[in-house]
Amino acid sequence: MLADKKIGFIGSGNMAEAIIKGVIRAGVVSPKNILSSDVSEDRRRLFSDSFGIITVPNNLELVSQAEIIVLAIKPQGIGFVLKEIAKAVDISKLVISIAAGVTLKYI
């Protein structure tokens, strides 16, 4: 079901790392179908080297390539990211948030 979907993680922190590691180990998604973005070049490099996934510095680029978008960012940064990606997200995208305390209404 997910094998042919491109999944993009906005944010490359510990939660994104755990989820990516888990879906790859379980064989749910191929690394070639996973993208992540982060402001930190070091984190992007770590994810690319560790998991063999595609990393991008730009959230809009990630959203344009992914069918499933995981908001794996700290709650205090979600407002900025939502404004940034709003015009690129349409009905064809599934958006999942793991930002603690952020309501669906806010998103």
PDB file of N, CA and C in Angstrom:
ATOM      1  N   MET A   1       0.815  -1.196   0.000  1.00  0.00           N
ATOM      2  CA  MET A   1       0.000   0.000   0.000  1.00  0.00           C
ATOM      3  C   MET A   1       0.861   1.264   0.000  1.00  0.00           C
ATOM      4  N   LEU A   2       1.863   1.328   0.876  1.00  0.00           N
ATOM      5  CA  LEU A   2       2.738   2.486   0.921  1.00  0.00           C
ATOM      6  C   LEU A   2       3.969   2.330   0.040  1.00  0.00           C
ATOM      7  N   ALA A   3       4.209   1.139  -0.433  1.00  0.00           N
ATOM      8  CA  ALA A   3       5.456   0.851  -1.148  1.00  0.00           C
ATOM      9  C   ALA A   3       5.715   1.784  -2.322  1.00  0.00           C
ATOM     10  N   ASP A   4       4.672   2.221  -2.987  1.00  0.00           N
ATOM     11  CA  ASP A   4       4.863   3.066  -4.171  1.00  0.00           C
ATOM     12  C   ASP A   4       4.625   4.548  -3.885  1.00  0.00           C
ATOM     13  N   LYS A   5       4.397   4.906  -2.627  1.00  0.00           N
ATOM     14  CA  LYS A   5       4.153   6.301  -2.248  1.00  0.00           C
ATOM     15  C   LYS A   5       5.456   6.969  -1.829  1.00  0.00           C
ATOM     16  N   LYS A   6       5.577   8.238  -2.163  1.00  0.00           N
ATOM     17  CA  LYS A   6       6.706   9.046  -1.695  1.00  0.00           C
ATOM     18  C   LYS A   6       6.287   9.712  -0.388  1.00  0.00           C
ATOM     19  N   ILE A   7       7.092   9.473   0.646  1.00  0.00           N
ATOM     20  CA  ILE A   7       6.808  10.031   1.956  1.00  0.00           C
ATOM     21  C   ILE A   7       7.881  11.059   2.289  1.00  0.00           C
ATOM     22  N   GLY A   8       7.445  12.257   2.646  1.00  0.00           N
ATOM     23  CA  GLY A   8       8.372  13.328   2.977  1.00  0.00           C
ATOM     24  C   GLY A   8       8.237  13.750   4.423  1.00  0.00           C
ATOM     25  N   PHE A   9       9.364  13.865   5.100  1.00  0.00           N
ATOM     26  CA  PHE A   9       9.410  14.297   6.488  1.00  0.00           C
ATOM     27  C   PHE A   9       9.950  15.717   6.542  1.00  0.00           C
ATOM     28  N   ILE A  10       9.123  16.644   6.988  1.00  0.00           N
ATOM     29  CA  ILE A  10       9.595  18.007   7.214  1.00  0.00           C
ATOM     30  C   ILE A  10      10.127  18.029   8.636  1.00  0.00           C
ATOM     31  N   GLY A  11      11.426  18.132   8.745  1.00  0.00           N
ATOM     32  CA  GLY A  11      12.108  18.033  10.030  1.00  0.00           C
ATOM     33  C   GLY A  11      12.847  16.717  10.101  1.00  0.00           C
ATOM     34  N   SER A  12      14.065  16.769  10.566  1.00  0.00           N
ATOM     35  CA  SER A  12      14.900  15.566  10.638  1.00  0.00           C
ATOM     36  C   SER A  12      15.437  15.367  12.049  1.00  0.00           C
ATOM     37  N   GLY A  13      14.523  15.458  12.994  1.00  0.00           N
ATOM     38  CA  GLY A  13      14.891  15.269  14.391  1.00  0.00           C
ATOM     39  C   GLY A  13      14.775  13.815  14.815  1.00  0.00           C
ATOM     40  N   ASN A  14      14.770  13.611  16.126  1.00  0.00           N
ATOM     41  CA  ASN A  14      14.759  12.255  16.679  1.00  0.00           C
ATOM     42  C   ASN A  14      13.501  11.465  16.325  1.00  0.00           C
ATOM     43  N   MET A  15      12.339  12.124  16.337  1.00  0.00           N
ATOM     44  CA  MET A  15      11.097  11.405  16.004  1.00  0.00           C
ATOM     45  C   MET A  15      11.086  10.986  14.544  1.00  0.00           C
ATOM     46  N   ALA A  16      11.475  11.882  13.651  1.00  0.00           N
ATOM     47  CA  ALA A  16      11.543  11.527  12.225  1.00  0.00           C
ATOM     48  C   ALA A  16      12.536  10.389  12.027  1.00  0.00           C
ATOM     49  N   GLU A  17      13.667  10.476  12.701  1.00  0.00           N
ATOM     50  CA  GLU A  17      14.686   9.429  12.587  1.00  0.00           C
ATOM     51  C   GLU A  17      14.137   8.073  13.020  1.00  0.00           C
ATOM     52  N   ALA A  18      13.424   8.036  14.130  1.00  0.00           N
ATOM     53  CA  ALA A  18      12.856   6.781  14.626  1.00  0.00           C
ATOM     54  C   ALA A  18      11.824   6.206  13.657  1.00  0.00           C
ATOM     55  N   ILE A  19      10.968   7.052  13.121  1.00  0.00           N
ATOM     56  CA  ILE A  19       9.938   6.579  12.192  1.00  0.00           C
ATOM     57  C   ILE A  19      10.576   6.081  10.900  1.00  0.00           C
ATOM     58  N   ILE A  20      11.506   6.842  10.365  1.00  0.00           N
ATOM     59  CA  ILE A  20      12.176   6.437   9.118  1.00  0.00           C
ATOM     60  C   ILE A  20      12.898   5.116   9.314  1.00  0.00           C
ATOM     61  N   LYS A  21      13.633   5.003  10.387  1.00  0.00           N
ATOM     62  CA  LYS A  21      14.355   3.765  10.681  1.00  0.00           C
ATOM     63  C   LYS A  21      13.377   2.588  10.758  1.00  0.00           C
ATOM     64  N   GLY A  22      12.246   2.802  11.423  1.00  0.00           N
ATOM     65  CA  GLY A  22      11.255   1.740  11.585  1.00  0.00           C
ATOM     66  C   GLY A  22      10.605   1.303  10.286  1.00  0.00           C
ATOM     67  N   VAL A  23      10.203   2.254   9.440  1.00  0.00           N
ATOM     68  CA  VAL A  23       9.530   1.864   8.195  1.00  0.00           C
ATOM     69  C   VAL A  23      10.500   1.208   7.210  1.00  0.00           C
ATOM     70  N   ILE A  24      11.755   1.614   7.254  1.00  0.00           N
ATOM     71  CA  ILE A  24      12.742   0.981   6.383  1.00  0.00           C
ATOM     72  C   ILE A  24      13.029  -0.436   6.866  1.00  0.00           C
ATOM     73  N   ARG A  25      13.274  -0.595   8.169  1.00  0.00           N
ATOM     74  CA  ARG A  25      13.556  -1.931   8.730  1.00  0.00           C
ATOM     75  C   ARG A  25      12.397  -2.895   8.510  1.00  0.00           C
ATOM     76  N   ALA A  26      11.176  -2.380   8.608  1.00  0.00           N
ATOM     77  CA  ALA A  26       9.992  -3.225   8.434  1.00  0.00           C
ATOM     78  C   ALA A  26       9.707  -3.512   6.963  1.00  0.00           C
ATOM     79  N   GLY A  27      10.407  -2.823   6.070  1.00  0.00           N
ATOM     80  CA  GLY A  27      10.185  -3.026   4.644  1.00  0.00           C
ATOM     81  C   GLY A  27       8.908  -2.391   4.127  1.00  0.00           C
ATOM     82  N   VAL A  28       8.360  -1.458   4.888  1.00  0.00           N
ATOM     83  CA  VAL A  28       7.121  -0.805   4.508  1.00  0.00           C
ATOM     84  C   VAL A  28       7.341   0.149   3.341  1.00  0.00           C
ATOM     85  N   VAL A  29       8.458   0.861   3.377  1.00  0.00           N
ATOM     86  CA  VAL A  29       8.779   1.840   2.346  1.00  0.00           C
ATOM     87  C   VAL A  29      10.253   1.715   2.004  1.00  0.00           C
ATOM     88  N   SER A  30      10.563   1.797   0.731  1.00  0.00           N
ATOM     89  CA  SER A  30      11.945   1.770   0.276  1.00  0.00           C
ATOM     90  C   SER A  30      12.607   3.116   0.567  1.00  0.00           C
ATOM     91  N   PRO A  31      13.880   3.120   0.936  1.00  0.00           N
ATOM     92  CA  PRO A  31      14.574   4.394   1.155  1.00  0.00           C
ATOM     93  C   PRO A  31      14.484   5.351  -0.032  1.00  0.00           C
ATOM     94  N   LYS A  32      14.407   4.811  -1.241  1.00  0.00           N
ATOM     95  CA  LYS A  32      14.335   5.680  -2.419  1.00  0.00           C
ATOM     96  C   LYS A  32      13.019   6.447  -2.497  1.00  0.00           C
ATOM     97  N   ASN A  33      12.028   6.050  -1.695  1.00  0.00           N
ATOM     98  CA  ASN A  33      10.737   6.726  -1.669  1.00  0.00           C
ATOM     99  C   ASN A  33      10.546   7.596  -0.428  1.00  0.00           C
ATOM    100  N   ILE A  34      11.630   7.841   0.299  1.00  0.00           N
ATOM    101  CA  ILE A  34      11.551   8.678   1.495  1.00  0.00           C
ATOM    102  C   ILE A  34      12.403   9.922   1.292  1.00  0.00           C
ATOM    103  N   LEU A  35      11.828  11.061   1.645  1.00  0.00           N
ATOM    104  CA  LEU A  35      12.534  12.339   1.587  1.00  0.00           C
ATOM    105  C   LEU A  35      12.499  12.972   2.969  1.00  0.00           C
ATOM    106  N   SER A  36      13.488  13.796   3.242  1.00  0.00           N
ATOM    107  CA  SER A  36      13.425  14.613   4.455  1.00  0.00           C
ATOM    108  C   SER A  36      14.033  15.972   4.169  1.00  0.00           C
ATOM    109  N   SER A  37      13.531  16.945   4.903  1.00  0.00           N
ATOM    110  CA  SER A  37      14.084  18.295   4.807  1.00  0.00           C
ATOM    111  C   SER A  37      14.462  18.742   6.205  1.00  0.00           C
ATOM    112  N   ASP A  38      15.442  19.607   6.263  1.00  0.00           N
ATOM    113  CA  ASP A  38      15.869  20.163   7.537  1.00  0.00           C
ATOM    114  C   ASP A  38      16.723  21.382   7.259  1.00  0.00           C
ATOM    115  N   VAL A  39      16.713  22.329   8.181  1.00  0.00           N
ATOM    116  CA  VAL A  39      17.556  23.504   8.021  1.00  0.00           C
ATOM    117  C   VAL A  39      19.024  23.164   8.253  1.00  0.00           C
ATOM    118  N   SER A  40      19.273  22.082   8.985  1.00  0.00           N
ATOM    119  CA  SER A  40      20.645  21.690   9.301  1.00  0.00           C
ATOM    120  C   SER A  40      21.225  20.784   8.214  1.00  0.00           C
ATOM    121  N   GLU A  41      22.282  21.261   7.586  1.00  0.00           N
ATOM    122  CA  GLU A  41      22.960  20.447   6.582  1.00  0.00           C
ATOM    123  C   GLU A  41      23.528  19.176   7.201  1.00  0.00           C
ATOM    124  N   ASP A  42      23.984  19.255   8.442  1.00  0.00           N
ATOM    125  CA  ASP A  42      24.525  18.075   9.122  1.00  0.00           C
ATOM    126  C   ASP A  42      23.461  16.999   9.301  1.00  0.00           C
ATOM    127  N   ARG A  43      22.247  17.396   9.668  1.00  0.00           N
ATOM    128  CA  ARG A  43      21.164  16.410   9.837  1.00  0.00           C
ATOM    129  C   ARG A  43      20.779  15.814   8.488  1.00  0.00           C
ATOM    130  N   ARG A  44      20.723  16.644   7.456  1.00  0.00           N
ATOM    131  CA  ARG A  44      20.402  16.112   6.123  1.00  0.00           C
ATOM    132  C   ARG A  44      21.447  15.090   5.697  1.00  0.00           C
ATOM    133  N   ARG A  45      22.702  15.407   5.920  1.00  0.00           N
ATOM    134  CA  ARG A  45      23.787  14.490   5.545  1.00  0.00           C
ATOM    135  C   ARG A  45      23.699  13.190   6.351  1.00  0.00           C
ATOM    136  N   LEU A  46      23.424  13.309   7.645  1.00  0.00           N
ATOM    137  CA  LEU A  46      23.277  12.131   8.494  1.00  0.00           C
ATOM    138  C   LEU A  46      22.169  11.220   7.986  1.00  0.00           C
ATOM    139  N   PHE A  47      21.017  11.797   7.647  1.00  0.00           N
ATOM    140  CA  PHE A  47      19.893  11.000   7.161  1.00  0.00           C
ATOM    141  C   PHE A  47      20.212  10.362   5.815  1.00  0.00           C
ATOM    142  N   SER A  48      20.835  11.099   4.959  1.00  0.00           N
ATOM    143  CA  SER A  48      21.203  10.569   3.646  1.00  0.00           C
ATOM    144  C   SER A  48      22.195   9.423   3.787  1.00  0.00           C
ATOM    145  N   ASP A  49      23.217   9.639   4.593  1.00  0.00           N
ATOM    146  CA  ASP A  49      24.247   8.612   4.783  1.00  0.00           C
ATOM    147  C   ASP A  49      23.719   7.395   5.545  1.00  0.00           C
ATOM    148  N   SER A  50      22.934   7.615   6.576  1.00  0.00           N
ATOM    149  CA  SER A  50      22.461   6.531   7.439  1.00  0.00           C
ATOM    150  C   SER A  50      21.365   5.688   6.805  1.00  0.00           C
ATOM    151  N   PHE A  51      20.463   6.331   6.081  1.00  0.00           N
ATOM    152  CA  PHE A  51      19.287   5.626   5.579  1.00  0.00           C
ATOM    153  C   PHE A  51      19.221   5.515   4.066  1.00  0.00           C
ATOM    154  N   GLY A  52      20.055   6.253   3.364  1.00  0.00           N
ATOM    155  CA  GLY A  52      20.021   6.222   1.905  1.00  0.00           C
ATOM    156  C   GLY A  52      18.800   6.906   1.325  1.00  0.00           C
ATOM    157  N   ILE A  53      18.253   7.876   2.058  1.00  0.00           N
ATOM    158  CA  ILE A  53      17.066   8.576   1.585  1.00  0.00           C
ATOM    159  C   ILE A  53      17.466   9.871   0.881  1.00  0.00           C
ATOM    160  N   ILE A  54      16.498  10.479   0.241  1.00  0.00           N
ATOM    161  CA  ILE A  54      16.707  11.761  -0.431  1.00  0.00           C
ATOM    162  C   ILE A  54      16.523  12.865   0.601  1.00  0.00           C
ATOM    163  N   THR A  55      17.441  13.795   0.663  1.00  0.00           N
ATOM    164  CA  THR A  55      17.280  14.932   1.565  1.00  0.00           C
ATOM    165  C   THR A  55      17.322  16.222   0.756  1.00  0.00           C
ATOM    166  N   VAL A  56      16.524  17.173   1.197  1.00  0.00           N
ATOM    167  CA  VAL A  56      16.447  18.464   0.507  1.00  0.00           C
ATOM    168  C   VAL A  56      16.466  19.576   1.546  1.00  0.00           C
ATOM    169  N   PRO A  57      17.010  20.723   1.201  1.00  0.00           N
ATOM    170  CA  PRO A  57      17.042  21.838   2.147  1.00  0.00           C
ATOM    171  C   PRO A  57      15.761  22.670   2.152  1.00  0.00           C
ATOM    172  N   ASN A  58      14.858  22.385   1.231  1.00  0.00           N
ATOM    173  CA  ASN A  58      13.716  23.247   0.988  1.00  0.00           C
ATOM    174  C   ASN A  58      12.413  22.485   1.199  1.00  0.00           C
ATOM    175  N   ASN A  59      11.555  22.981   2.077  1.00  0.00           N
ATOM    176  CA  ASN A  59      10.278  22.313   2.361  1.00  0.00           C
ATOM    177  C   ASN A  59       9.345  22.287   1.160  1.00  0.00           C
ATOM    178  N   LEU A  60       9.348  23.326   0.348  1.00  0.00           N
ATOM    179  CA  LEU A  60       8.490  23.344  -0.836  1.00  0.00           C
ATOM    180  C   LEU A  60       8.911  22.285  -1.838  1.00  0.00           C
ATOM    181  N   GLU A  61      10.198  22.082  -1.980  1.00  0.00           N
ATOM    182  CA  GLU A  61      10.684  21.017  -2.865  1.00  0.00           C
ATOM    183  C   GLU A  61      10.213  19.662  -2.359  1.00  0.00           C
ATOM    184  N   LEU A  62      10.287  19.461  -1.065  1.00  0.00           N
ATOM    185  CA  LEU A  62       9.829  18.200  -0.479  1.00  0.00           C
ATOM    186  C   LEU A  62       8.346  17.992  -0.743  1.00  0.00           C
ATOM    187  N   VAL A  63       7.534  19.012  -0.487  1.00  0.00           N
ATOM    188  CA  VAL A  63       6.082  18.900  -0.679  1.00  0.00           C
ATOM    189  C   VAL A  63       5.745  18.621  -2.138  1.00  0.00           C
ATOM    190  N   SER A  64       6.489  19.207  -3.065  1.00  0.00           N
ATOM    191  CA  SER A  64       6.196  18.988  -4.481  1.00  0.00           C
ATOM    192  C   SER A  64       6.489  17.546  -4.901  1.00  0.00           C
ATOM    193  N   GLN A  65       7.386  16.876  -4.214  1.00  0.00           N
ATOM    194  CA  GLN A  65       7.771  15.512  -4.582  1.00  0.00           C
ATOM    195  C   GLN A  65       7.030  14.428  -3.806  1.00  0.00           C
ATOM    196  N   ALA A  66       6.548  14.751  -2.608  1.00  0.00           N
ATOM    197  CA  ALA A  66       5.950  13.740  -1.731  1.00  0.00           C
ATOM    198  C   ALA A  66       4.429  13.707  -1.840  1.00  0.00           C
ATOM    199  N   GLU A  67       3.887  12.509  -1.676  1.00  0.00           N
ATOM    200  CA  GLU A  67       2.435  12.342  -1.630  1.00  0.00           C
ATOM    201  C   GLU A  67       1.929  12.346  -0.190  1.00  0.00           C
ATOM    202  N   ILE A  68       2.803  11.909   0.714  1.00  0.00           N
ATOM    203  CA  ILE A  68       2.498  11.901   2.142  1.00  0.00           C
ATOM    204  C   ILE A  68       3.520  12.813   2.813  1.00  0.00           C
ATOM    205  N   ILE A  69       3.048  13.777   3.579  1.00  0.00           N
ATOM    206  CA  ILE A  69       3.929  14.735   4.236  1.00  0.00           C
ATOM    207  C   ILE A  69       3.767  14.580   5.738  1.00  0.00           C
ATOM    208  N   VAL A  70       4.880  14.312   6.408  1.00  0.00           N
ATOM    209  CA  VAL A  70       4.878  14.179   7.860  1.00  0.00           C
ATOM    210  C   VAL A  70       5.504  15.437   8.451  1.00  0.00           C
ATOM    211  N   LEU A  71       4.722  16.154   9.245  1.00  0.00           N
ATOM    212  CA  LEU A  71       5.218  17.343   9.920  1.00  0.00           C
ATOM    213  C   LEU A  71       5.914  16.892  11.200  1.00  0.00           C
ATOM    214  N   ALA A  72       7.208  16.718  11.119  1.00  0.00           N
ATOM    215  CA  ALA A  72       8.010  16.210  12.235  1.00  0.00           C
ATOM    216  C   ALA A  72       8.859  17.343  12.801  1.00  0.00           C
ATOM    217  N   ILE A  73       8.176  18.391  13.189  1.00  0.00           N
ATOM    218  CA  ILE A  73       8.861  19.585  13.679  1.00  0.00           C
ATOM    219  C   ILE A  73       8.344  19.930  15.068  1.00  0.00           C
ATOM    220  N   LYS A  74       9.094  20.751  15.753  1.00  0.00           N
ATOM    221  CA  LYS A  74       8.685  21.189  17.081  1.00  0.00           C
ATOM    222  C   LYS A  74       7.448  22.091  16.951  1.00  0.00           C
ATOM    223  N   PRO A  75       6.544  22.013  17.931  1.00  0.00           N
ATOM    224  CA  PRO A  75       5.305  22.794  17.855  1.00  0.00           C
ATOM    225  C   PRO A  75       5.525  24.288  17.630  1.00  0.00           C
ATOM    226  N   GLN A  76       6.578  24.851  18.182  1.00  0.00           N
ATOM    227  CA  GLN A  76       6.797  26.289  18.021  1.00  0.00           C
ATOM    228  C   GLN A  76       7.170  26.672  16.591  1.00  0.00           C
ATOM    229  N   GLY A  77       7.561  25.719  15.763  1.00  0.00           N
ATOM    230  CA  GLY A  77       7.915  26.007  14.382  1.00  0.00           C
ATOM    231  C   GLY A  77       6.829  25.694  13.374  1.00  0.00           C
ATOM    232  N   ILE A  78       5.730  25.137  13.841  1.00  0.00           N
ATOM    233  CA  ILE A  78       4.728  24.654  12.890  1.00  0.00           C
ATOM    234  C   ILE A  78       4.013  25.781  12.152  1.00  0.00           C
ATOM    235  N   GLY A  79       3.775  26.905  12.798  1.00  0.00           N
ATOM    236  CA  GLY A  79       3.093  28.015  12.131  1.00  0.00           C
ATOM    237  C   GLY A  79       3.853  28.492  10.917  1.00  0.00           C
ATOM    238  N   PHE A  80       5.141  28.687  11.069  1.00  0.00           N
ATOM    239  CA  PHE A  80       5.988  29.121   9.960  1.00  0.00           C
ATOM    240  C   PHE A  80       5.950  28.111   8.812  1.00  0.00           C
ATOM    241  N   VAL A  81       6.099  26.830   9.139  1.00  0.00           N
ATOM    242  CA  VAL A  81       6.131  25.793   8.106  1.00  0.00           C
ATOM    243  C   VAL A  81       4.787  25.692   7.391  1.00  0.00           C
ATOM    244  N   LEU A  82       3.700  25.759   8.126  1.00  0.00           N
ATOM    245  CA  LEU A  82       2.377  25.683   7.495  1.00  0.00           C
ATOM    246  C   LEU A  82       2.160  26.822   6.512  1.00  0.00           C
ATOM    247  N   LYS A  83       2.565  28.023   6.885  1.00  0.00           N
ATOM    248  CA  LYS A  83       2.446  29.163   5.963  1.00  0.00           C
ATOM    249  C   LYS A  83       3.323  28.953   4.736  1.00  0.00           C
ATOM    250  N   GLU A  84       4.511  28.418   4.971  1.00  0.00           N
ATOM    251  CA  GLU A  84       5.467  28.200   3.882  1.00  0.00           C
ATOM    252  C   GLU A  84       4.937  27.206   2.843  1.00  0.00           C
ATOM    253  N   ILE A  85       4.309  26.133   3.292  1.00  0.00           N
ATOM    254  CA  ILE A  85       3.905  25.059   2.366  1.00  0.00           C
ATOM    255  C   ILE A  85       2.447  25.147   1.932  1.00  0.00           C
ATOM    256  N   ALA A  86       1.671  26.070   2.475  1.00  0.00           N
ATOM    257  CA  ALA A  86       0.222  26.127   2.252  1.00  0.00           C
ATOM    258  C   ALA A  86      -0.178  26.081   0.783  1.00  0.00           C
ATOM    259  N   LYS A  87       0.483  26.839  -0.062  1.00  0.00           N
ATOM    260  CA  LYS A  87       0.085  26.892  -1.470  1.00  0.00           C
ATOM    261  C   LYS A  87       0.476  25.633  -2.238  1.00  0.00           C
ATOM    262  N   ALA A  88       1.401  24.852  -1.697  1.00  0.00           N
ATOM    263  CA  ALA A  88       1.865  23.644  -2.387  1.00  0.00           C
ATOM    264  C   ALA A  88       1.082  22.397  -1.973  1.00  0.00           C
ATOM    265  N   VAL A  89       0.337  22.491  -0.884  1.00  0.00           N
ATOM    266  CA  VAL A  89      -0.433  21.344  -0.396  1.00  0.00           C
ATOM    267  C   VAL A  89      -1.835  21.424  -0.990  1.00  0.00           C
ATOM    268  N   ASP A  90      -2.235  20.341  -1.640  1.00  0.00           N
ATOM    269  CA  ASP A  90      -3.583  20.273  -2.192  1.00  0.00           C
ATOM    270  C   ASP A  90      -4.250  18.977  -1.755  1.00  0.00           C
ATOM    271  N   ILE A  91      -5.404  18.707  -2.301  1.00  0.00           N
ATOM    272  CA  ILE A  91      -6.202  17.549  -1.882  1.00  0.00           C
ATOM    273  C   ILE A  91      -5.514  16.205  -2.175  1.00  0.00           C
ATOM    274  N   SER A  92      -4.522  16.204  -3.051  1.00  0.00           N
ATOM    275  CA  SER A  92      -3.822  14.960  -3.376  1.00  0.00           C
ATOM    276  C   SER A  92      -2.786  14.574  -2.326  1.00  0.00           C
ATOM    277  N   LYS A  93      -2.520  15.454  -1.372  1.00  0.00           N
ATOM    278  CA  LYS A  93      -1.497  15.222  -0.344  1.00  0.00           C
ATOM    279  C   LYS A  93      -2.147  14.783   0.965  1.00  0.00           C
ATOM    280  N   LEU A  94      -1.529  13.807   1.598  1.00  0.00           N
ATOM    281  CA  LEU A  94      -1.915  13.410   2.945  1.00  0.00           C
ATOM    282  C   LEU A  94      -0.910  14.056   3.885  1.00  0.00           C
ATOM    283  N   VAL A  95      -1.405  14.842   4.838  1.00  0.00           N
ATOM    284  CA  VAL A  95      -0.535  15.521   5.791  1.00  0.00           C
ATOM    285  C   VAL A  95      -0.742  14.896   7.164  1.00  0.00           C
ATOM    286  N   ILE A  96       0.354  14.484   7.779  1.00  0.00           N
ATOM    287  CA  ILE A  96       0.346  13.878   9.103  1.00  0.00           C
ATOM    288  C   ILE A  96       1.225  14.735  10.000  1.00  0.00           C
ATOM    289  N   SER A  97       0.721  15.069  11.176  1.00  0.00           N
ATOM    290  CA  SER A  97       1.506  15.850  12.119  1.00  0.00           C
ATOM    291  C   SER A  97       1.842  15.011  13.335  1.00  0.00           C
ATOM    292  N   ILE A  98       3.114  15.074  13.740  1.00  0.00           N
ATOM    293  CA  ILE A  98       3.507  14.467  15.004  1.00  0.00           C
ATOM    294  C   ILE A  98       3.959  15.564  15.982  1.00  0.00           C
ATOM    295  N   ALA A  99       3.568  16.794  15.693  1.00  0.00           N
ATOM    296  CA  ALA A  99       3.896  17.935  16.555  1.00  0.00           C
ATOM    297  C   ALA A  99       2.989  17.900  17.779  1.00  0.00           C
ATOM    298  N   ALA A 100       3.567  17.707  18.927  1.00  0.00           N
ATOM    299  CA  ALA A 100       2.812  17.566  20.176  1.00  0.00           C
ATOM    300  C   ALA A 100       1.989  18.820  20.477  1.00  0.00           C
ATOM    301  N   GLY A 101       0.723  18.602  20.808  1.00  0.00           N
ATOM    302  CA  GLY A 101      -0.133  19.695  21.249  1.00  0.00           C
ATOM    303  C   GLY A 101      -0.697  20.562  20.150  1.00  0.00           C
ATOM    304  N   VAL A 102      -0.391  20.280  18.904  1.00  0.00           N
ATOM    305  CA  VAL A 102      -0.908  21.088  17.796  1.00  0.00           C
ATOM    306  C   VAL A 102      -2.209  20.449  17.314  1.00  0.00           C
ATOM    307  N   THR A 103      -3.286  21.199  17.365  1.00  0.00           N
ATOM    308  CA  THR A 103      -4.586  20.644  17.016  1.00  0.00           C
ATOM    309  C   THR A 103      -4.795  20.578  15.499  1.00  0.00           C
ATOM    310  N   LEU A 104      -5.694  19.708  15.110  1.00  0.00           N
ATOM    311  CA  LEU A 104      -6.075  19.606  13.720  1.00  0.00           C
ATOM    312  C   LEU A 104      -6.702  20.922  13.248  1.00  0.00           C
ATOM    313  N   LYS A 105      -7.469  21.543  14.101  1.00  0.00           N
ATOM    314  CA  LYS A 105      -8.071  22.825  13.760  1.00  0.00           C
ATOM    315  C   LYS A 105      -7.005  23.865  13.425  1.00  0.00           C
ATOM    316  N   TYR A 106      -5.921  23.891  14.190  1.00  0.00           N
ATOM    317  CA  TYR A 106      -4.834  24.841  13.939  1.00  0.00           C
ATOM    318  C   TYR A 106      -4.181  24.564  12.582  1.00  0.00           C
ATOM    319  N   ILE A 107      -3.974  23.302  12.310  1.00  0.00           N
ATOM    320  CA  ILE A 107      -3.340  22.921  11.036  1.00  0.00           C
ATOM    321  C   ILE A 107      -4.255  23.272   9.887  1.00  0.00           C
TER     322      ILE A 107
END
